[in-house]
Protein backbone atom coordinates (compact mmCIF):
# COMPACT_ATOMS: atom_id res chain seq x y z
CA UNK A 1 -30.13 16.84 36.95
CA UNK A 2 -27.77 13.96 35.51
CA UNK A 3 -25.31 14.73 32.66
CA UNK A 4 -24.76 11.44 30.89
CA UNK A 5 -21.04 11.66 29.61
CA UNK A 6 -20.83 7.78 28.30
CA UNK A 7 -23.88 6.67 26.17
CA UNK A 8 -26.10 4.07 27.36
CA UNK A 9 -26.26 0.53 25.11
CA UNK A 10 -28.51 -2.26 26.01
CA UNK A 11 -26.62 -5.78 24.98
CA UNK A 12 -29.29 -5.98 21.89
CA UNK A 13 -31.57 -4.36 19.67
CA UNK A 14 -35.32 -4.60 19.62
CA UNK A 15 -36.02 -4.73 23.31
CA UNK A 16 -39.11 -3.39 23.12
CA UNK A 17 -42.17 -4.93 21.80
CA UNK A 18 -45.79 -3.32 20.38
CA UNK A 19 -46.93 -3.40 23.74
CA UNK A 20 -44.68 -0.66 25.15
CA UNK A 21 -46.49 1.72 22.28
CA UNK A 22 -49.60 2.76 23.24
CA UNK A 23 -51.95 4.32 20.74
CA UNK A 24 -52.72 7.94 21.21
CA UNK A 25 -50.60 8.02 24.56
CA UNK A 26 -47.39 9.66 25.51
CA UNK A 27 -44.18 7.16 26.07
CA UNK A 28 -43.15 7.21 29.33
CA UNK A 29 -39.54 8.05 30.57
CA UNK A 30 -38.61 4.19 30.25
CA UNK A 31 -39.52 3.76 26.78
CA UNK A 32 -38.09 7.02 25.69
CA UNK A 33 -35.09 5.61 27.54
CA UNK A 34 -34.85 2.31 26.06
CA UNK A 35 -35.53 3.69 22.47
CA UNK A 36 -31.98 6.14 22.96
CA UNK A 37 -30.56 3.01 23.93
CA UNK A 38 -31.06 1.14 21.28
CA UNK A 39 -30.28 4.17 18.67
CA UNK A 40 -27.25 4.21 20.47
CA UNK A 41 -25.99 0.36 19.64
CA UNK A 42 -27.30 1.12 16.07
CA UNK A 43 -25.05 4.31 16.16
CA UNK A 44 -21.81 2.35 17.41
CA UNK A 45 -22.14 -0.75 14.90
CA UNK A 46 -19.45 -1.84 12.51
CA UNK A 47 -20.15 -0.52 9.20
CA UNK A 48 -18.45 -0.74 5.73
CA UNK A 49 -16.25 2.48 4.57
CA UNK A 50 -14.71 1.30 2.03
CA UNK A 51 -14.61 -1.11 -0.84
CA UNK A 52 -12.61 -1.82 -3.63
CA UNK A 53 -12.75 -4.96 -5.84
CA UNK A 54 -11.52 -6.29 -9.26
CA UNK A 55 -11.34 -9.50 -11.33
CA UNK A 56 -9.71 -12.71 -9.42
CA UNK A 57 -9.03 -14.48 -12.58
CA UNK A 58 -7.31 -11.96 -14.88
CA UNK A 59 -5.24 -13.06 -17.57
CA UNK A 60 -1.26 -13.80 -16.00
CA UNK A 61 0.41 -11.33 -18.39
CA UNK A 62 -2.52 -8.40 -18.00
CA UNK A 63 -0.60 -5.44 -16.08
CA UNK A 64 -3.99 -4.49 -15.13
CA UNK A 65 -6.48 -5.75 -12.64
CA UNK A 66 -4.19 -4.83 -9.90
CA UNK A 67 -1.08 -5.86 -10.93
CA UNK A 68 2.23 -3.89 -10.21
CA UNK A 69 5.70 -4.19 -8.78
CA UNK A 70 5.64 -2.36 -5.70
CA UNK A 71 8.35 -0.01 -5.92
CA UNK A 72 11.03 0.69 -3.13
CA UNK A 73 9.55 4.39 -2.02
CA UNK A 74 6.17 4.92 -0.69
CA UNK A 75 3.30 4.87 -3.68
CA UNK A 76 -0.56 5.09 -4.14
CA UNK A 77 -1.29 1.35 -4.28
CA UNK A 78 -4.83 1.86 -5.89
CA UNK A 79 -6.21 4.43 -8.45
CA UNK A 80 -7.31 6.84 -5.61
CA UNK A 81 -7.08 10.37 -5.28
CA UNK A 82 -3.54 11.78 -4.41
CA UNK A 83 -4.80 14.28 -2.02
CA UNK A 84 -7.11 11.46 -0.17
CA UNK A 85 -10.20 9.61 -0.81
CA UNK A 86 -13.51 11.14 1.12
CA UNK A 87 -15.52 8.16 2.74
CA UNK A 88 -18.44 8.07 4.70
CA UNK A 89 -18.02 6.94 8.48
CA UNK A 90 -20.43 7.31 11.47
CA UNK A 91 -19.58 9.64 14.22
CA UNK A 92 -17.43 8.62 17.32
CA UNK A 93 -16.43 5.37 15.73
CA UNK A 94 -12.25 6.08 15.75
CA UNK A 95 -10.60 2.97 14.83
CA UNK A 96 -11.25 0.76 11.23
CA UNK A 97 -10.06 -2.42 10.31
CA UNK A 98 -8.81 -3.37 6.60
CA UNK A 99 -8.80 -6.47 4.74
CA UNK A 100 -7.02 -7.00 1.59
CA UNK A 101 -7.01 -10.23 -0.72
CA UNK A 102 -3.82 -9.64 -2.36
CA UNK A 103 -1.39 -12.27 -4.44
CA UNK A 104 2.86 -11.33 -3.76
CA UNK A 105 5.67 -13.14 -5.05
CA UNK A 106 6.33 -16.24 -2.49
CA UNK A 107 8.35 -14.94 0.97
CA UNK A 108 8.53 -11.17 -0.72
CA UNK A 109 7.33 -8.38 1.74
CA UNK A 110 5.24 -5.60 0.75
CA UNK A 111 4.61 -2.65 3.06
CA UNK A 112 1.07 -0.92 3.15
CA UNK A 113 0.08 2.31 4.54
CA UNK A 114 -3.27 3.63 5.13
CA UNK A 115 -3.56 7.12 5.46
CA UNK A 116 -5.88 8.87 7.47
CA UNK A 117 -6.82 12.22 8.95
CA UNK A 118 -5.06 10.87 11.93
CA UNK A 119 -1.87 9.80 10.02
CA UNK A 120 -1.59 11.39 6.43
CA UNK A 121 2.22 10.64 5.79
CA UNK A 122 3.39 6.91 4.80
CA UNK A 123 7.38 8.63 5.68
CA UNK A 124 6.16 8.99 9.62
CA UNK A 125 7.80 7.06 11.91
CA UNK A 126 3.80 5.18 12.68
CA UNK A 127 3.90 3.83 8.78
CA UNK A 128 3.52 0.81 7.92
CA UNK A 129 0.40 -0.13 8.56
CA UNK A 130 0.84 -3.84 7.92
CA UNK A 131 3.55 -6.03 6.29
CA UNK A 132 2.18 -8.58 3.93
CA UNK A 133 4.16 -11.53 3.35
CA UNK A 134 3.80 -13.50 -0.47
CA UNK A 135 3.13 -17.05 -0.62
CA UNK A 136 3.22 -16.99 -4.30
CA UNK A 137 -1.11 -17.43 -3.84
CA UNK A 138 -3.93 -15.30 -3.13
CA UNK A 139 -3.94 -14.47 0.39
CA UNK A 140 -6.33 -12.77 2.70
CA UNK A 141 -4.30 -10.18 5.17
CA UNK A 142 -6.53 -8.10 8.12
CA UNK A 143 -5.28 -5.35 10.92
CA UNK A 144 -7.66 -4.03 13.06
CA UNK A 145 -7.52 -0.94 15.27
CA UNK A 146 -6.17 1.67 12.64
CA UNK A 147 -7.07 4.89 14.37
CA UNK A 148 -9.38 7.52 12.37
CA UNK A 149 -10.54 10.82 13.71
CA UNK A 150 -13.76 11.22 15.89
CA UNK A 151 -15.94 13.14 13.25
CA UNK A 152 -18.24 12.00 10.51
CA UNK A 153 -16.27 11.02 7.70
CA UNK A 154 -12.82 10.57 6.87
CA UNK A 155 -10.16 11.15 4.34
CA UNK A 156 -8.01 7.82 3.18
CA UNK A 157 -5.50 6.71 0.98
CA UNK A 158 -3.88 3.36 0.42
CA UNK A 159 0.19 3.45 -0.20
CA UNK A 160 2.33 0.44 -0.52
CA UNK A 161 6.04 -0.14 -1.30
CA UNK A 162 8.74 -3.14 -1.19
CA UNK A 163 10.46 -3.93 2.01
CA UNK A 164 13.61 -4.50 -0.16
CA UNK A 165 16.49 -6.47 0.93
CA UNK A 166 19.88 -5.83 -0.63
CA UNK A 167 21.53 -9.14 -0.03
CA UNK A 168 18.86 -11.67 -0.94
CA UNK A 169 16.37 -10.40 -3.15
CA UNK A 170 16.50 -11.91 -7.16
CA UNK A 171 19.13 -10.29 -9.25
CA UNK A 172 17.98 -9.19 -12.40
CA UNK A 173 17.23 -12.51 -15.01
CA UNK A 174 19.97 -11.20 -17.78
CA UNK A 175 18.74 -14.17 -19.86
CA UNK A 176 15.41 -12.41 -20.05
CA UNK A 177 16.04 -9.06 -19.82
CA UNK A 178 19.89 -8.89 -21.34
CA UNK A 179 23.02 -6.85 -19.74
CA UNK A 180 24.31 -7.49 -16.68
CA UNK A 181 23.02 -8.12 -13.27
CA UNK A 182 25.90 -6.13 -11.40
CA UNK A 183 28.94 -4.26 -12.29
CA UNK A 184 30.99 -0.69 -12.03
CA UNK A 185 28.68 2.35 -13.34
CA UNK A 186 31.31 4.17 -16.21
CA UNK A 187 29.32 7.17 -16.53
CA UNK A 188 26.46 9.43 -15.50
CA UNK A 189 24.36 11.72 -17.94
CA UNK A 190 22.76 13.21 -14.99
CA UNK A 191 21.36 12.12 -11.69
CA UNK A 192 18.45 9.92 -12.97
CA UNK A 193 20.81 7.57 -15.21
CA UNK A 194 24.02 5.32 -15.29
CA UNK A 195 25.91 3.69 -17.96
CA UNK A 196 28.37 0.43 -17.97
CA UNK A 197 29.91 0.54 -21.28
CA UNK A 198 30.35 -3.46 -21.25
CA UNK A 199 26.30 -4.32 -20.59
CA UNK A 200 23.86 -5.12 -23.06
CA UNK A 201 20.42 -4.44 -21.72
CA UNK A 202 17.68 -5.09 -23.93
CA UNK A 203 16.32 -2.04 -25.62
CA UNK A 204 13.55 -3.77 -27.04
CA UNK A 205 11.11 -6.72 -25.72
CA UNK A 206 11.72 -7.65 -22.05
CA UNK A 207 13.12 -4.61 -20.71
CA UNK A 208 14.35 -4.25 -16.93
CA UNK A 209 12.06 -1.48 -16.13
CA UNK A 210 9.05 -4.13 -17.50
CA UNK A 211 10.15 -6.67 -15.38
CA UNK A 212 9.78 -4.42 -12.10
CA UNK A 213 13.75 -3.74 -10.74
CA UNK A 214 15.69 -1.66 -8.80
CA UNK A 215 19.17 -0.07 -8.85
CA UNK A 216 21.76 -0.49 -5.58
CA UNK A 217 24.92 1.01 -5.59
CA UNK A 218 27.63 0.28 -3.36
CA UNK A 219 31.46 2.06 -2.79
CA UNK A 220 34.31 -0.39 -3.27
CA UNK A 221 34.06 -1.18 0.65
CA UNK A 222 30.88 -2.74 -0.18
CA UNK A 223 29.16 0.55 1.90
CA UNK A 224 25.91 1.38 -0.02
CA UNK A 225 26.16 4.50 -1.64
CA UNK A 226 22.34 5.49 -2.80
CA UNK A 227 19.49 4.07 -1.63
CA UNK A 228 17.16 1.86 -3.54
CA UNK A 229 16.13 3.61 -6.66
CA UNK A 230 13.46 2.23 -9.09
CA UNK A 231 14.36 1.41 -12.55
CA UNK A 232 11.73 3.40 -15.19
CA UNK A 233 13.38 2.78 -18.57
CA UNK A 234 15.97 1.69 -20.63
CA UNK A 235 18.82 4.06 -22.80
CA UNK A 236 18.33 4.35 -26.48
CA UNK A 237 19.15 1.78 -28.68
CA UNK A 238 23.10 1.56 -28.89
CA UNK A 239 22.61 -1.38 -31.82
CA UNK A 240 21.62 -5.02 -32.21
CA UNK A 241 18.78 -4.03 -29.83
CA UNK A 242 20.90 -3.33 -26.62
CA UNK A 243 21.82 -0.33 -24.63
CA UNK A 244 24.33 0.18 -21.87
CA UNK A 245 22.05 3.09 -19.97
CA UNK A 246 19.62 2.61 -17.36
CA UNK A 247 17.43 5.54 -15.90
CA UNK A 248 15.70 5.72 -12.60
CA UNK A 249 14.16 7.66 -9.96
CA UNK A 250 14.61 8.98 -7.27
CA UNK A 251 17.32 10.34 -8.16
CA UNK A 252 21.22 10.20 -6.71
CA UNK A 253 22.03 13.28 -4.92
CA UNK A 254 25.61 13.55 -6.15
CA UNK A 255 27.56 12.44 -8.97
CA UNK A 256 30.02 10.94 -6.89
CA UNK A 257 27.60 8.30 -5.60
CA UNK A 258 27.17 7.34 -8.92
CA UNK A 259 30.49 7.28 -11.35
CA UNK A 260 32.91 4.45 -10.40
CA UNK A 261 30.25 2.85 -8.06
CA UNK A 262 29.59 -0.93 -8.13
CA UNK A 263 25.89 -1.48 -8.92
CA UNK A 264 23.52 -4.27 -8.49
CA UNK A 265 19.78 -4.68 -10.02
CA UNK A 266 17.37 -6.73 -7.94
CA UNK A 267 13.82 -7.86 -8.59
CA UNK A 268 10.93 -5.63 -7.04
CA UNK A 269 8.10 -7.87 -5.86
CA UNK A 270 4.84 -8.39 -7.71
CA UNK A 271 1.53 -7.87 -6.34
CA UNK A 272 -1.80 -8.19 -7.53
CA UNK A 273 -4.61 -6.93 -5.45
CA UNK A 274 -7.82 -8.35 -5.66
CA UNK A 275 -10.08 -6.41 -3.15
CA UNK A 276 -9.43 -4.12 -0.53
CA UNK A 277 -12.39 -3.57 2.17
CA UNK A 278 -12.36 -0.93 4.96
CA UNK A 279 -14.67 -1.43 8.14
CA UNK A 280 -15.51 1.41 10.87
CA UNK A 281 -15.43 -0.78 14.27
CA UNK A 282 -17.67 -1.12 16.70
CA UNK A 283 -17.71 1.56 19.47
CA UNK A 284 -17.22 -0.83 21.85
CA UNK A 285 -13.93 -2.20 20.19
CA UNK A 286 -12.07 0.87 20.42
């Protein structure tokens, strides 16, 4: 008795013609074998697992339609469930390819992680899944051979984060957002905020958090004190529509990382996703 440990797959589908199937006659072993081989070919073919599409020509000022600032930490890139989105996949297909069409600020980089049952944590050593380098115009990015589980079905989530460059990312445009792009932190009301009494960031209109910026702190020797933190809001109006307080996340771990530290405010990359498609790859490509 033979036991087939690997499925037999023909080079093409439909190798049998009508003459192979006689009316009222039992199919021979050769015919049954060829039918099974054809079925194996179909079950091993690539197919669409997930697709997300939005407008390709949205208003330039519209924050919706996929436009966002990539934060300096992992965050869901698309409107997906935090615990993952269930998708259908054929049994036995163990790798997927992802094709993304997006627009990112020129020469800025955004890291993408496709979380699956095999690799659900974007903070794991295996992240990111791919790195998108912006060209300032819509571009297509593709990556293959992302491992997924063998079973039918999968649970996915798409994360993104900015690949920050503390020395070269653009500084805050003070002509637009007010205040100062660098200085010394005078005080901190809590681990989520900092104040520079000499600064005057806009408390209305073009505010620092609406433009997508992150905060970096350094000691007097220039060593980084606190990891890049996204500016989430500005403090209350202290007069003339200005404020000397910024609110950020994630928080500092110690007040000593804030009070007296030198700070810089730098711009996060803008990214607009137009489409995301994920395909289960052919069994032969895995």
